[in-house]
Amino acid sequence: MSRVTLSRYLIEQTRSNNTPADLRFLIEVVARACKEISHHVSKGALGGVLGSMGTENVQGEVQKKLDVISNDILLEANEWGGHLAGMASEEMDNAYQIPGRYPKGAYLLVFDPLDGSSNIDVNVSVGTIFSVLRCPNEYLSQNETLNENAFLQPGTEQVAAGYAIYGPQTMLILTLGNGVKGFTLDRELGSFVLTHENICVPETTAEFAINMSNQRHWEAPVKRYVDELLAGETGPLQKNYNMRWIASMVADVHRILTRGGLFMYPRDAREPSKPGKLRLMYEANPMSFIIEQAGGASTNGYERILDIKPESLHQRVSVILGSKQEVERVTAYHKE
């Protein structure tokens, strides 16, 4: 039986679902960049890529060497293809405009080049998260300067989103707005091969992921909900739950897509001015799009993540996503 590669799948989508050819080519370029990042990650200490750069990104976080390497790989792979008007990255202060010597395309690419990079040195799964938006018409002129306003679109405007996870296998998870597919990198073939045809998140679950060390800082609805989970079969939810926390969003979300579960990174009292920790544009929106397309749900505790109108490129949000029944339960506690 012939195997369906990512390229073949995208060609079929162009034919059957009117996926634009330039979007197909863009996804293929991102996938090739992810293969290169996977190679660097897998080399580890052998490639001299572990450890920190001694610099901070716009978030005030110490940059790992692989953060910078991954960011450069994605920029260099995508800037010249003619599919993009600009890019934005968690690792860069400002939006990146396609250099004038290259043709300009109709899309915007937003990415977290290496999510979970604090885990690199201990050999835990990390990944690349990306989101594709249409560039507003007013910025499509070759002479028009791109600014962050072009990117400030709610998550409902995404035309594609995905992530690559660099674990025991390298996988690419992708949605074009018609379900979620999983592709596994065949290193001998050099291609991503379709291995997960129709990824669905079960509506119910008995697993949750949250950083319990922050419990004393949580808001009351989150404390109430987690207390109910921990009460087990003698509590109001009448079943036992297991907790899993990898501290790599890509890895935690991938587990939920694989077997269900709930991921929570709520706001807490330590920084009252910040509504959460995770980045809306680079993490919350693409992951929420994927989760919803797989039948799950995603909110910030009060409203659907994808409905939030971004106010800045590096805006942070609280995130609760995964199996629909549990997301709806903890969201209802916030609204009460």
C-alpha atoms as a PDB file:
ATOM      1  CA  MET A   1       0.000   0.000   0.000  1.00  0.00           C
ATOM      2  CA  SER A   2       1.406   3.393  -0.995  1.00  0.00           C
ATOM      3  CA  ARG A   3       1.977   5.870   1.797  1.00  0.00           C
ATOM      4  CA  VAL A   4       0.530   9.379   1.754  1.00  0.00           C
ATOM      5  CA  THR A   5       3.211  11.992   2.260  1.00  0.00           C
ATOM      6  CA  LEU A   6       2.508  15.517   3.480  1.00  0.00           C
ATOM      7  CA  SER A   7       3.102  16.854  -0.041  1.00  0.00           C
ATOM      8  CA  ARG A   8       0.607  14.421  -1.547  1.00  0.00           C
ATOM      9  CA  TYR A   9      -1.959  15.184   1.145  1.00  0.00           C
ATOM     10  CA  LEU A  10      -1.638  18.926   0.483  1.00  0.00           C
ATOM     11  CA  ILE A  11      -2.002  18.402  -3.268  1.00  0.00           C
ATOM     12  CA  GLU A  12      -5.199  16.432  -2.625  1.00  0.00           C
ATOM     13  CA  GLN A  13      -6.478  19.249  -0.418  1.00  0.00           C
ATOM     14  CA  THR A  14      -5.795  21.742  -3.214  1.00  0.00           C
ATOM     15  CA  ARG A  15      -7.848  19.605  -5.600  1.00  0.00           C
ATOM     16  CA  SER A  16     -10.728  18.610  -3.330  1.00  0.00           C
ATOM     17  CA  ASN A  17     -11.073  21.384  -0.738  1.00  0.00           C
ATOM     18  CA  ASN A  18      -9.894  24.417  -2.690  1.00  0.00           C
ATOM     19  CA  THR A  19      -6.810  24.875  -0.518  1.00  0.00           C
ATOM     20  CA  PRO A  20      -4.832  27.615  -2.326  1.00  0.00           C
ATOM     21  CA  ALA A  21      -1.621  26.436  -3.943  1.00  0.00           C
ATOM     22  CA  ASP A  22       0.423  29.157  -2.249  1.00  0.00           C
ATOM     23  CA  LEU A  23      -0.818  27.959   1.162  1.00  0.00           C
ATOM     24  CA  ARG A  24       0.206  24.419   0.234  1.00  0.00           C
ATOM     25  CA  PHE A  25       3.699  25.557  -0.695  1.00  0.00           C
ATOM     26  CA  LEU A  26       3.952  27.587   2.521  1.00  0.00           C
ATOM     27  CA  ILE A  27       3.080  24.552   4.681  1.00  0.00           C
ATOM     28  CA  GLU A  28       5.664  22.474   2.819  1.00  0.00           C
ATOM     29  CA  VAL A  29       8.365  25.087   3.481  1.00  0.00           C
ATOM     30  CA  VAL A  30       7.483  25.196   7.191  1.00  0.00           C
ATOM     31  CA  ALA A  31       7.621  21.387   7.295  1.00  0.00           C
ATOM     32  CA  ARG A  32      11.087  21.384   5.727  1.00  0.00           C
ATOM     33  CA  ALA A  33      12.246  23.930   8.304  1.00  0.00           C
ATOM     34  CA  CYS A  34      10.876  21.688  11.073  1.00  0.00           C
ATOM     35  CA  LYS A  35      12.869  18.760   9.683  1.00  0.00           C
ATOM     36  CA  GLU A  36      16.023  20.860   9.917  1.00  0.00           C
ATOM     37  CA  ILE A  37      15.183  21.927  13.484  1.00  0.00           C
ATOM     38  CA  SER A  38      14.533  18.266  14.358  1.00  0.00           C
ATOM     39  CA  HIS A  39      18.014  17.398  13.098  1.00  0.00           C
ATOM     40  CA  HIS A  40      19.632  20.060  15.320  1.00  0.00           C
ATOM     41  CA  VAL A  41      17.569  19.007  18.358  1.00  0.00           C
ATOM     42  CA  SER A  42      18.498  15.339  17.886  1.00  0.00           C
ATOM     43  CA  LYS A  43      22.225  16.143  17.785  1.00  0.00           C
ATOM     44  CA  GLY A  44      22.097  17.619  21.293  1.00  0.00           C
ATOM     45  CA  ALA A  45      25.501  17.905  22.935  1.00  0.00           C
ATOM     46  CA  LEU A  46      27.114  16.353  19.855  1.00  0.00           C
ATOM     47  CA  GLY A  47      26.115  19.444  17.876  1.00  0.00           C
ATOM     48  CA  GLY A  48      27.123  21.940  20.551  1.00  0.00           C
ATOM     49  CA  VAL A  49      23.587  23.344  20.673  1.00  0.00           C
ATOM     50  CA  LEU A  50      22.739  22.840  24.343  1.00  0.00           C
ATOM     51  CA  GLY A  51      22.837  25.594  26.957  1.00  0.00           C
ATOM     52  CA  SER A  52      21.922  29.272  26.973  1.00  0.00           C
ATOM     53  CA  MET A  53      22.916  32.178  24.755  1.00  0.00           C
ATOM     54  CA  GLY A  54      23.262  34.573  27.695  1.00  0.00           C
ATOM     55  CA  THR A  55      20.626  36.851  26.120  1.00  0.00           C
ATOM     56  CA  GLU A  56      16.936  37.462  26.783  1.00  0.00           C
ATOM     57  CA  ASN A  57      14.011  37.584  24.383  1.00  0.00           C
ATOM     58  CA  VAL A  58      11.256  40.198  24.413  1.00  0.00           C
ATOM     59  CA  GLN A  59       9.467  38.174  27.123  1.00  0.00           C
ATOM     60  CA  GLY A  60      12.451  38.618  29.455  1.00  0.00           C
ATOM     61  CA  GLU A  61      13.269  34.913  29.231  1.00  0.00           C
ATOM     62  CA  VAL A  62      16.795  33.575  28.821  1.00  0.00           C
ATOM     63  CA  GLN A  63      17.269  32.346  25.259  1.00  0.00           C
ATOM     64  CA  LYS A  64      18.612  28.871  24.653  1.00  0.00           C
ATOM     65  CA  LYS A  65      20.992  28.327  21.757  1.00  0.00           C
ATOM     66  CA  LEU A  66      18.375  26.202  20.034  1.00  0.00           C
ATOM     67  CA  ASP A  67      15.767  28.986  20.425  1.00  0.00           C
ATOM     68  CA  VAL A  68      17.922  31.249  18.276  1.00  0.00           C
ATOM     69  CA  ILE A  69      18.935  28.509  15.828  1.00  0.00           C
ATOM     70  CA  SER A  70      15.307  27.455  15.328  1.00  0.00           C
ATOM     71  CA  ASN A  71      14.168  31.043  14.857  1.00  0.00           C
ATOM     72  CA  ASP A  72      16.842  31.666  12.212  1.00  0.00           C
ATOM     73  CA  ILE A  73      15.961  28.443  10.371  1.00  0.00           C
ATOM     74  CA  LEU A  74      12.287  29.425  10.088  1.00  0.00           C
ATOM     75  CA  LEU A  75      13.087  32.974   8.971  1.00  0.00           C
ATOM     76  CA  GLU A  76      15.602  31.917   6.331  1.00  0.00           C
ATOM     77  CA  ALA A  77      13.414  29.115   4.979  1.00  0.00           C
ATOM     78  CA  ASN A  78      10.322  31.288   4.568  1.00  0.00           C
ATOM     79  CA  GLU A  79      11.509  34.769   3.633  1.00  0.00           C
ATOM     80  CA  TRP A  80      12.238  34.184  -0.063  1.00  0.00           C
ATOM     81  CA  GLY A  81       9.458  31.815  -1.226  1.00  0.00           C
ATOM     82  CA  GLY A  82       6.949  34.482  -2.226  1.00  0.00           C
ATOM     83  CA  HIS A  83       4.162  33.126   0.001  1.00  0.00           C
ATOM     84  CA  LEU A  84       4.465  35.588   2.896  1.00  0.00           C
ATOM     85  CA  ALA A  85       4.072  39.298   3.537  1.00  0.00           C
ATOM     86  CA  GLY A  86       5.685  38.984   6.956  1.00  0.00           C
ATOM     87  CA  MET A  87       6.428  36.870  10.007  1.00  0.00           C
ATOM     88  CA  ALA A  88       6.250  37.233  13.766  1.00  0.00           C
ATOM     89  CA  SER A  89       8.100  35.143  16.329  1.00  0.00           C
ATOM     90  CA  GLU A  90       8.033  34.755  20.079  1.00  0.00           C
ATOM     91  CA  GLU A  91      11.788  35.343  19.978  1.00  0.00           C
ATOM     92  CA  MET A  92      11.649  38.725  18.168  1.00  0.00           C
ATOM     93  CA  ASP A  93      10.517  42.096  19.510  1.00  0.00           C
ATOM     94  CA  ASN A  94       8.856  43.269  16.285  1.00  0.00           C
ATOM     95  CA  ALA A  95       7.206  41.865  13.195  1.00  0.00           C
ATOM     96  CA  TYR A  96       9.570  40.699  10.459  1.00  0.00           C
ATOM     97  CA  GLN A  97       8.915  42.174   7.039  1.00  0.00           C
ATOM     98  CA  ILE A  98       9.915  40.203   3.953  1.00  0.00           C
ATOM     99  CA  PRO A  99      13.019  41.873   2.474  1.00  0.00           C
ATOM    100  CA  GLY A 100      12.293  44.002  -0.592  1.00  0.00           C
ATOM    101  CA  ARG A 101      14.472  41.851  -2.837  1.00  0.00           C
ATOM    102  CA  TYR A 102      12.035  38.953  -2.436  1.00  0.00           C
ATOM    103  CA  PRO A 103       8.466  38.642  -3.770  1.00  0.00           C
ATOM    104  CA  LYS A 104       5.638  39.306  -1.325  1.00  0.00           C
ATOM    105  CA  GLY A 105       2.834  36.824  -0.656  1.00  0.00           C
ATOM    106  CA  ALA A 106      -0.675  36.901   0.770  1.00  0.00           C
ATOM    107  CA  TYR A 107      -0.044  35.255   4.147  1.00  0.00           C
ATOM    108  CA  LEU A 108       1.447  35.968   7.556  1.00  0.00           C
ATOM    109  CA  LEU A 109       3.334  33.329   9.523  1.00  0.00           C
ATOM    110  CA  VAL A 110       3.391  33.424  13.322  1.00  0.00           C
ATOM    111  CA  PHE A 111       5.495  30.944  15.288  1.00  0.00           C
ATOM    112  CA  ASP A 112       7.096  29.830  18.508  1.00  0.00           C
ATOM    113  CA  PRO A 113      10.300  28.376  17.056  1.00  0.00           C
ATOM    114  CA  LEU A 114      11.028  26.063  19.986  1.00  0.00           C
ATOM    115  CA  ASP A 115       8.312  25.632  22.585  1.00  0.00           C
ATOM    116  CA  GLY A 116       9.404  24.069  25.873  1.00  0.00           C
ATOM    117  CA  SER A 117      13.033  25.000  25.321  1.00  0.00           C
ATOM    118  CA  SER A 118      13.712  24.978  29.076  1.00  0.00           C
ATOM    119  CA  ASN A 119      13.526  21.182  28.698  1.00  0.00           C
ATOM    120  CA  ILE A 120      16.151  20.887  25.971  1.00  0.00           C
ATOM    121  CA  ASP A 121      19.082  20.204  28.261  1.00  0.00           C
ATOM    122  CA  VAL A 122      17.244  17.373  30.031  1.00  0.00           C
ATOM    123  CA  ASN A 123      16.191  15.639  26.776  1.00  0.00           C
ATOM    124  CA  VAL A 124      12.432  16.130  27.127  1.00  0.00           C
ATOM    125  CA  SER A 125      10.212  16.576  24.050  1.00  0.00           C
ATOM    126  CA  VAL A 126      10.059  20.105  22.639  1.00  0.00           C
ATOM    127  CA  GLY A 127       8.442  21.453  19.492  1.00  0.00           C
ATOM    128  CA  THR A 128       7.665  24.199  16.987  1.00  0.00           C
ATOM    129  CA  ILE A 129       4.218  25.837  16.939  1.00  0.00           C
ATOM    130  CA  PHE A 130       2.979  27.843  13.938  1.00  0.00           C
ATOM    131  CA  SER A 131      -0.076  29.722  12.740  1.00  0.00           C
ATOM    132  CA  VAL A 132      -0.992  31.100   9.297  1.00  0.00           C
ATOM    133  CA  LEU A 133      -3.135  34.223   8.799  1.00  0.00           C
ATOM    134  CA  ARG A 134      -4.154  36.119   5.673  1.00  0.00           C
ATOM    135  CA  CYS A 135      -2.403  39.447   5.330  1.00  0.00           C
ATOM    136  CA  PRO A 136      -4.876  42.373   5.260  1.00  0.00           C
ATOM    137  CA  ASN A 137      -5.119  43.910   1.791  1.00  0.00           C
ATOM    138  CA  GLU A 138      -3.705  47.274   2.854  1.00  0.00           C
ATOM    139  CA  TYR A 139      -0.340  45.634   3.639  1.00  0.00           C
ATOM    140  CA  LEU A 140       0.000  43.682   0.401  1.00  0.00           C
ATOM    141  CA  SER A 141       1.558  46.533  -1.561  1.00  0.00           C
ATOM    142  CA  GLN A 142       5.238  45.941  -2.266  1.00  0.00           C
ATOM    143  CA  ASN A 143       6.019  49.383  -0.863  1.00  0.00           C
ATOM    144  CA  GLU A 144       3.805  49.206   2.226  1.00  0.00           C
ATOM    145  CA  THR A 145       5.630  48.843   5.534  1.00  0.00           C
ATOM    146  CA  LEU A 146       4.320  45.961   7.611  1.00  0.00           C
ATOM    147  CA  ASN A 147       3.659  46.566  11.300  1.00  0.00           C
ATOM    148  CA  GLU A 148       2.211  44.506  14.121  1.00  0.00           C
ATOM    149  CA  ASN A 149      -1.339  45.693  13.414  1.00  0.00           C
ATOM    150  CA  ALA A 150      -1.448  43.368  10.402  1.00  0.00           C
ATOM    151  CA  PHE A 151      -1.085  40.395  12.758  1.00  0.00           C
ATOM    152  CA  LEU A 152      -3.645  41.439  15.382  1.00  0.00           C
ATOM    153  CA  GLN A 153      -6.436  39.167  14.176  1.00  0.00           C
ATOM    154  CA  PRO A 154      -8.553  36.860  16.359  1.00  0.00           C
ATOM    155  CA  GLY A 155      -7.765  33.165  16.187  1.00  0.00           C
ATOM    156  CA  THR A 156     -10.922  32.535  14.170  1.00  0.00           C
ATOM    157  CA  GLU A 157      -9.083  34.125  11.228  1.00  0.00           C
ATOM    158  CA  GLN A 158      -6.386  31.432  11.110  1.00  0.00           C
ATOM    159  CA  VAL A 159      -6.315  29.536   7.821  1.00  0.00           C
ATOM    160  CA  ALA A 160      -3.913  26.864   9.102  1.00  0.00           C
ATOM    161  CA  ALA A 161      -2.093  25.919  12.279  1.00  0.00           C
ATOM    162  CA  GLY A 162       0.137  23.150  13.430  1.00  0.00           C
ATOM    163  CA  TYR A 163       3.078  22.037  15.472  1.00  0.00           C
ATOM    164  CA  ALA A 164       6.051  19.745  15.135  1.00  0.00           C
ATOM    165  CA  ILE A 165       7.002  17.692  18.154  1.00  0.00           C
ATOM    166  CA  TYR A 166      10.586  16.485  18.496  1.00  0.00           C
ATOM    167  CA  GLY A 167      10.330  13.393  20.641  1.00  0.00           C
ATOM    168  CA  PRO A 168      11.074   9.677  20.157  1.00  0.00           C
ATOM    169  CA  GLN A 169       9.542  10.318  16.741  1.00  0.00           C
ATOM    170  CA  THR A 170       9.303  13.687  15.021  1.00  0.00           C
ATOM    171  CA  MET A 171       5.672  14.381  14.149  1.00  0.00           C
ATOM    172  CA  LEU A 172       3.855  17.215  12.395  1.00  0.00           C
ATOM    173  CA  ILE A 173       0.278  17.887  13.506  1.00  0.00           C
ATOM    174  CA  LEU A 174      -1.697  20.025  11.060  1.00  0.00           C
ATOM    175  CA  THR A 175      -5.130  21.545  10.570  1.00  0.00           C
ATOM    176  CA  LEU A 176      -6.346  23.430   7.531  1.00  0.00           C
ATOM    177  CA  GLY A 177      -9.729  23.979   9.163  1.00  0.00           C
ATOM    178  CA  ASN A 178     -11.187  20.602   8.197  1.00  0.00           C
ATOM    179  CA  GLY A 179     -10.022  18.306  10.982  1.00  0.00           C
ATOM    180  CA  VAL A 180      -6.596  17.382  12.316  1.00  0.00           C
ATOM    181  CA  LYS A 181      -4.029  15.120  10.666  1.00  0.00           C
ATOM    182  CA  GLY A 182      -0.794  13.687  12.060  1.00  0.00           C
ATOM    183  CA  PHE A 183       2.345  13.037  10.004  1.00  0.00           C
ATOM    184  CA  THR A 184       5.406  11.134  11.200  1.00  0.00           C
ATOM    185  CA  LEU A 185       8.866  11.910   9.831  1.00  0.00           C
ATOM    186  CA  ASP A 186      10.318   8.949   7.963  1.00  0.00           C
ATOM    187  CA  ARG A 187      14.011   9.795   8.177  1.00  0.00           C
ATOM    188  CA  GLU A 188      14.965   7.202   5.557  1.00  0.00           C
ATOM    189  CA  LEU A 189      12.439   8.619   3.097  1.00  0.00           C
ATOM    190  CA  GLY A 190      13.054  12.202   4.231  1.00  0.00           C
ATOM    191  CA  SER A 191       9.328  12.958   4.229  1.00  0.00           C
ATOM    192  CA  PHE A 192       6.466  13.421   6.663  1.00  0.00           C
ATOM    193  CA  VAL A 193       4.050  10.508   6.155  1.00  0.00           C
ATOM    194  CA  LEU A 194       0.362  10.540   7.122  1.00  0.00           C
ATOM    195  CA  THR A 195       0.018   8.207  10.116  1.00  0.00           C
ATOM    196  CA  HIS A 196      -2.945   9.677  12.024  1.00  0.00           C
ATOM    197  CA  GLU A 197      -5.874  10.187   9.682  1.00  0.00           C
ATOM    198  CA  ASN A 198      -8.504  11.779  11.902  1.00  0.00           C
ATOM    199  CA  ILE A 199      -7.314  12.925  15.322  1.00  0.00           C
ATOM    200  CA  CYS A 200     -10.132  13.410  17.847  1.00  0.00           C
ATOM    201  CA  VAL A 201     -10.071  14.470  21.485  1.00  0.00           C
ATOM    202  CA  PRO A 202     -12.430  12.391  23.678  1.00  0.00           C
ATOM    203  CA  GLU A 203     -15.157  14.542  25.289  1.00  0.00           C
ATOM    204  CA  THR A 204     -14.460  13.135  28.745  1.00  0.00           C
ATOM    205  CA  THR A 205     -11.183  12.379  30.471  1.00  0.00           C
ATOM    206  CA  ALA A 206      -9.555  11.237  33.685  1.00  0.00           C
ATOM    207  CA  GLU A 207      -6.256  13.102  33.180  1.00  0.00           C
ATOM    208  CA  PHE A 208      -5.280  16.696  33.782  1.00  0.00           C
ATOM    209  CA  ALA A 209      -2.102  18.749  33.414  1.00  0.00           C
ATOM    210  CA  ILE A 210      -1.305  21.738  35.600  1.00  0.00           C
ATOM    211  CA  ASN A 211       1.682  23.026  37.566  1.00  0.00           C
ATOM    212  CA  MET A 212       0.574  22.165  41.097  1.00  0.00           C
ATOM    213  CA  SER A 213       3.426  24.134  42.654  1.00  0.00           C
ATOM    214  CA  ASN A 214       1.494  27.324  41.798  1.00  0.00           C
ATOM    215  CA  GLN A 215      -1.655  26.202  43.613  1.00  0.00           C
ATOM    216  CA  ARG A 216      -1.409  28.859  46.316  1.00  0.00           C
ATOM    217  CA  HIS A 217      -1.513  31.578  43.637  1.00  0.00           C
ATOM    218  CA  TRP A 218      -4.549  30.348  41.658  1.00  0.00           C
ATOM    219  CA  GLU A 219      -7.930  32.037  41.454  1.00  0.00           C
ATOM    220  CA  ALA A 220     -10.805  30.476  43.376  1.00  0.00           C
ATOM    221  CA  PRO A 221     -12.507  28.718  40.398  1.00  0.00           C
ATOM    222  CA  VAL A 222      -9.312  26.850  39.505  1.00  0.00           C
ATOM    223  CA  LYS A 223      -8.704  25.867  43.137  1.00  0.00           C
ATOM    224  CA  ARG A 224     -12.267  24.587  43.395  1.00  0.00           C
ATOM    225  CA  TYR A 225     -11.996  22.548  40.207  1.00  0.00           C
ATOM    226  CA  VAL A 226      -8.619  20.972  41.018  1.00  0.00           C
ATOM    227  CA  ASP A 227      -9.803  20.160  44.554  1.00  0.00           C
ATOM    228  CA  GLU A 228     -12.701  18.257  42.981  1.00  0.00           C
ATOM    229  CA  LEU A 229     -10.317  16.375  40.690  1.00  0.00           C
ATOM    230  CA  LEU A 230      -8.104  15.417  43.630  1.00  0.00           C
ATOM    231  CA  ALA A 231     -11.114  14.242  45.681  1.00  0.00           C
ATOM    232  CA  GLY A 232     -11.423  11.330  43.251  1.00  0.00           C
ATOM    233  CA  GLU A 233     -14.318   8.895  43.244  1.00  0.00           C
ATOM    234  CA  THR A 234     -15.511  10.046  46.667  1.00  0.00           C
ATOM    235  CA  GLY A 235     -15.736  13.663  45.464  1.00  0.00           C
ATOM    236  CA  PRO A 236     -18.393  15.463  43.382  1.00  0.00           C
ATOM    237  CA  LEU A 237     -16.967  14.223  40.052  1.00  0.00           C
ATOM    238  CA  GLN A 238     -17.102  10.611  41.265  1.00  0.00           C
ATOM    239  CA  LYS A 239     -14.003   9.322  39.505  1.00  0.00           C
ATOM    240  CA  ASN A 240     -10.260   9.214  40.022  1.00  0.00           C
ATOM    241  CA  TYR A 241      -8.019  11.487  37.969  1.00  0.00           C
ATOM    242  CA  ASN A 242      -4.331  11.226  37.133  1.00  0.00           C
ATOM    243  CA  MET A 243      -2.102  14.285  36.816  1.00  0.00           C
ATOM    244  CA  ARG A 244       0.502  14.655  34.058  1.00  0.00           C
ATOM    245  CA  TRP A 245       2.708  17.739  33.734  1.00  0.00           C
ATOM    246  CA  ILE A 246       5.590  17.843  31.252  1.00  0.00           C
ATOM    247  CA  ALA A 247       6.102  21.642  31.288  1.00  0.00           C
ATOM    248  CA  SER A 248       6.327  21.625  27.493  1.00  0.00           C
ATOM    249  CA  MET A 249       3.036  22.799  25.972  1.00  0.00           C
ATOM    250  CA  VAL A 250       3.654  20.899  22.741  1.00  0.00           C
ATOM    251  CA  ALA A 251       4.176  17.640  24.650  1.00  0.00           C
ATOM    252  CA  ASP A 252       1.195  18.171  26.971  1.00  0.00           C
ATOM    253  CA  VAL A 253      -1.152  19.064  24.102  1.00  0.00           C
ATOM    254  CA  HIS A 254       0.127  16.150  22.025  1.00  0.00           C
ATOM    255  CA  ARG A 255      -0.771  13.767  24.837  1.00  0.00           C
ATOM    256  CA  ILE A 256      -4.280  15.263  24.968  1.00  0.00           C
ATOM    257  CA  LEU A 257      -4.704  14.833  21.203  1.00  0.00           C
ATOM    258  CA  THR A 258      -3.511  11.249  21.525  1.00  0.00           C
ATOM    259  CA  ARG A 259      -5.640  10.066  24.459  1.00  0.00           C
ATOM    260  CA  GLY A 260      -7.642  12.971  25.868  1.00  0.00           C
ATOM    261  CA  GLY A 261      -7.066  15.128  28.902  1.00  0.00           C
ATOM    262  CA  LEU A 262      -7.126  18.689  30.156  1.00  0.00           C
ATOM    263  CA  PHE A 263      -4.311  21.273  30.039  1.00  0.00           C
ATOM    264  CA  MET A 264      -4.466  24.333  32.298  1.00  0.00           C
ATOM    265  CA  TYR A 265      -2.103  27.268  32.575  1.00  0.00           C
ATOM    266  CA  PRO A 266      -4.310  29.710  34.524  1.00  0.00           C
ATOM    267  CA  ARG A 267      -3.527  33.241  35.576  1.00  0.00           C
ATOM    268  CA  ASP A 268      -2.371  33.632  39.151  1.00  0.00           C
ATOM    269  CA  ALA A 269      -1.891  36.273  41.808  1.00  0.00           C
ATOM    270  CA  ARG A 270       1.862  36.790  41.394  1.00  0.00           C
ATOM    271  CA  GLU A 271       1.465  39.201  38.467  1.00  0.00           C
ATOM    272  CA  PRO A 272      -2.058  40.651  38.717  1.00  0.00           C
ATOM    273  CA  SER A 273      -1.525  42.892  35.675  1.00  0.00           C
ATOM    274  CA  LYS A 274      -0.916  39.881  33.422  1.00  0.00           C
ATOM    275  CA  PRO A 275      -3.952  37.807  32.384  1.00  0.00           C
ATOM    276  CA  GLY A 276      -1.838  34.684  31.938  1.00  0.00           C
ATOM    277  CA  LYS A 277       1.516  33.222  31.042  1.00  0.00           C
ATOM    278  CA  LEU A 278       1.139  31.773  27.542  1.00  0.00           C
ATOM    279  CA  ARG A 279       1.293  33.877  24.382  1.00  0.00           C
ATOM    280  CA  LEU A 280      -1.986  34.335  22.554  1.00  0.00           C
ATOM    281  CA  MET A 281      -0.513  34.622  19.058  1.00  0.00           C
ATOM    282  CA  TYR A 282       2.263  32.027  19.219  1.00  0.00           C
ATOM    283  CA  GLU A 283       0.848  29.348  21.505  1.00  0.00           C
ATOM    284  CA  ALA A 284      -2.777  29.757  22.576  1.00  0.00           C
ATOM    285  CA  ASN A 285      -4.349  30.531  19.174  1.00  0.00           C
ATOM    286  CA  PRO A 286      -2.728  27.792  17.089  1.00  0.00           C
ATOM    287  CA  MET A 287      -3.154  25.159  19.809  1.00  0.00           C
ATOM    288  CA  SER A 288      -6.784  26.193  20.376  1.00  0.00           C
ATOM    289  CA  PHE A 289      -7.499  25.947  16.642  1.00  0.00           C
ATOM    290  CA  ILE A 290      -6.020  22.448  16.562  1.00  0.00           C
ATOM    291  CA  ILE A 291      -7.865  21.331  19.703  1.00  0.00           C
ATOM    292  CA  GLU A 292     -11.225  22.652  18.471  1.00  0.00           C
ATOM    293  CA  GLN A 293     -10.750  21.025  15.067  1.00  0.00           C
ATOM    294  CA  ALA A 294     -10.164  17.747  16.937  1.00  0.00           C
ATOM    295  CA  GLY A 295     -13.446  18.123  18.833  1.00  0.00           C
ATOM    296  CA  GLY A 296     -12.088  19.653  22.030  1.00  0.00           C
ATOM    297  CA  ALA A 297     -12.551  23.112  23.541  1.00  0.00           C
ATOM    298  CA  SER A 298     -10.322  25.984  24.647  1.00  0.00           C
ATOM    299  CA  THR A 299     -11.061  29.027  26.811  1.00  0.00           C
ATOM    300  CA  ASN A 300      -9.255  31.519  29.016  1.00  0.00           C
ATOM    301  CA  GLY A 301     -11.699  30.657  31.802  1.00  0.00           C
ATOM    302  CA  TYR A 302     -14.272  33.172  30.643  1.00  0.00           C
ATOM    303  CA  GLU A 303     -14.396  33.166  26.844  1.00  0.00           C
ATOM    304  CA  ARG A 304     -13.330  31.125  23.845  1.00  0.00           C
ATOM    305  CA  ILE A 305      -9.636  31.707  23.112  1.00  0.00           C
ATOM    306  CA  LEU A 306     -10.229  32.021  19.361  1.00  0.00           C
ATOM    307  CA  ASP A 307     -12.675  34.915  19.876  1.00  0.00           C
ATOM    308  CA  ILE A 308     -10.137  37.119  21.685  1.00  0.00           C
ATOM    309  CA  LYS A 309      -9.103  40.176  19.648  1.00  0.00           C
ATOM    310  CA  PRO A 310      -5.336  40.579  20.160  1.00  0.00           C
ATOM    311  CA  GLU A 311      -4.142  43.946  21.429  1.00  0.00           C
ATOM    312  CA  SER A 312      -0.405  43.359  21.014  1.00  0.00           C
ATOM    313  CA  LEU A 313       1.926  40.930  19.299  1.00  0.00           C
ATOM    314  CA  HIS A 314       3.200  39.404  22.559  1.00  0.00           C
ATOM    315  CA  GLN A 315      -0.079  39.427  24.511  1.00  0.00           C
ATOM    316  CA  ARG A 316      -0.430  36.732  27.178  1.00  0.00           C
ATOM    317  CA  VAL A 317      -3.519  34.777  28.171  1.00  0.00           C
ATOM    318  CA  SER A 318      -4.726  32.126  30.568  1.00  0.00           C
ATOM    319  CA  VAL A 319      -5.338  28.806  28.791  1.00  0.00           C
ATOM    320  CA  ILE A 320      -7.679  25.919  29.610  1.00  0.00           C
ATOM    321  CA  LEU A 321      -7.972  23.404  26.767  1.00  0.00           C
ATOM    322  CA  GLY A 322      -8.661  19.770  26.019  1.00  0.00           C
ATOM    323  CA  SER A 323     -11.620  17.432  26.483  1.00  0.00           C
ATOM    324  CA  LYS A 324     -14.787  19.460  26.012  1.00  0.00           C
ATOM    325  CA  GLN A 325     -16.720  18.313  29.080  1.00  0.00           C
ATOM    326  CA  GLU A 326     -13.943  19.258  31.494  1.00  0.00           C
ATOM    327  CA  VAL A 327     -13.179  22.593  29.801  1.00  0.00           C
ATOM    328  CA  GLU A 328     -16.845  23.525  30.001  1.00  0.00           C
ATOM    329  CA  ARG A 329     -16.969  22.566  33.690  1.00  0.00           C
ATOM    330  CA  VAL A 330     -14.028  24.709  34.828  1.00  0.00           C
ATOM    331  CA  THR A 331     -15.139  27.583  32.567  1.00  0.00           C
ATOM    332  CA  ALA A 332     -18.573  27.490  34.198  1.00  0.00           C
ATOM    333  CA  TYR A 333     -16.915  27.810  37.621  1.00  0.00           C
ATOM    334  CA  HIS A 334     -15.210  31.010  36.447  1.00  0.00           C
ATOM    335  CA  LYS A 335     -18.493  32.447  35.194  1.00  0.00           C
ATOM    336  CA  GLU A 336     -20.241  31.661  38.468  1.00  0.00           C
END
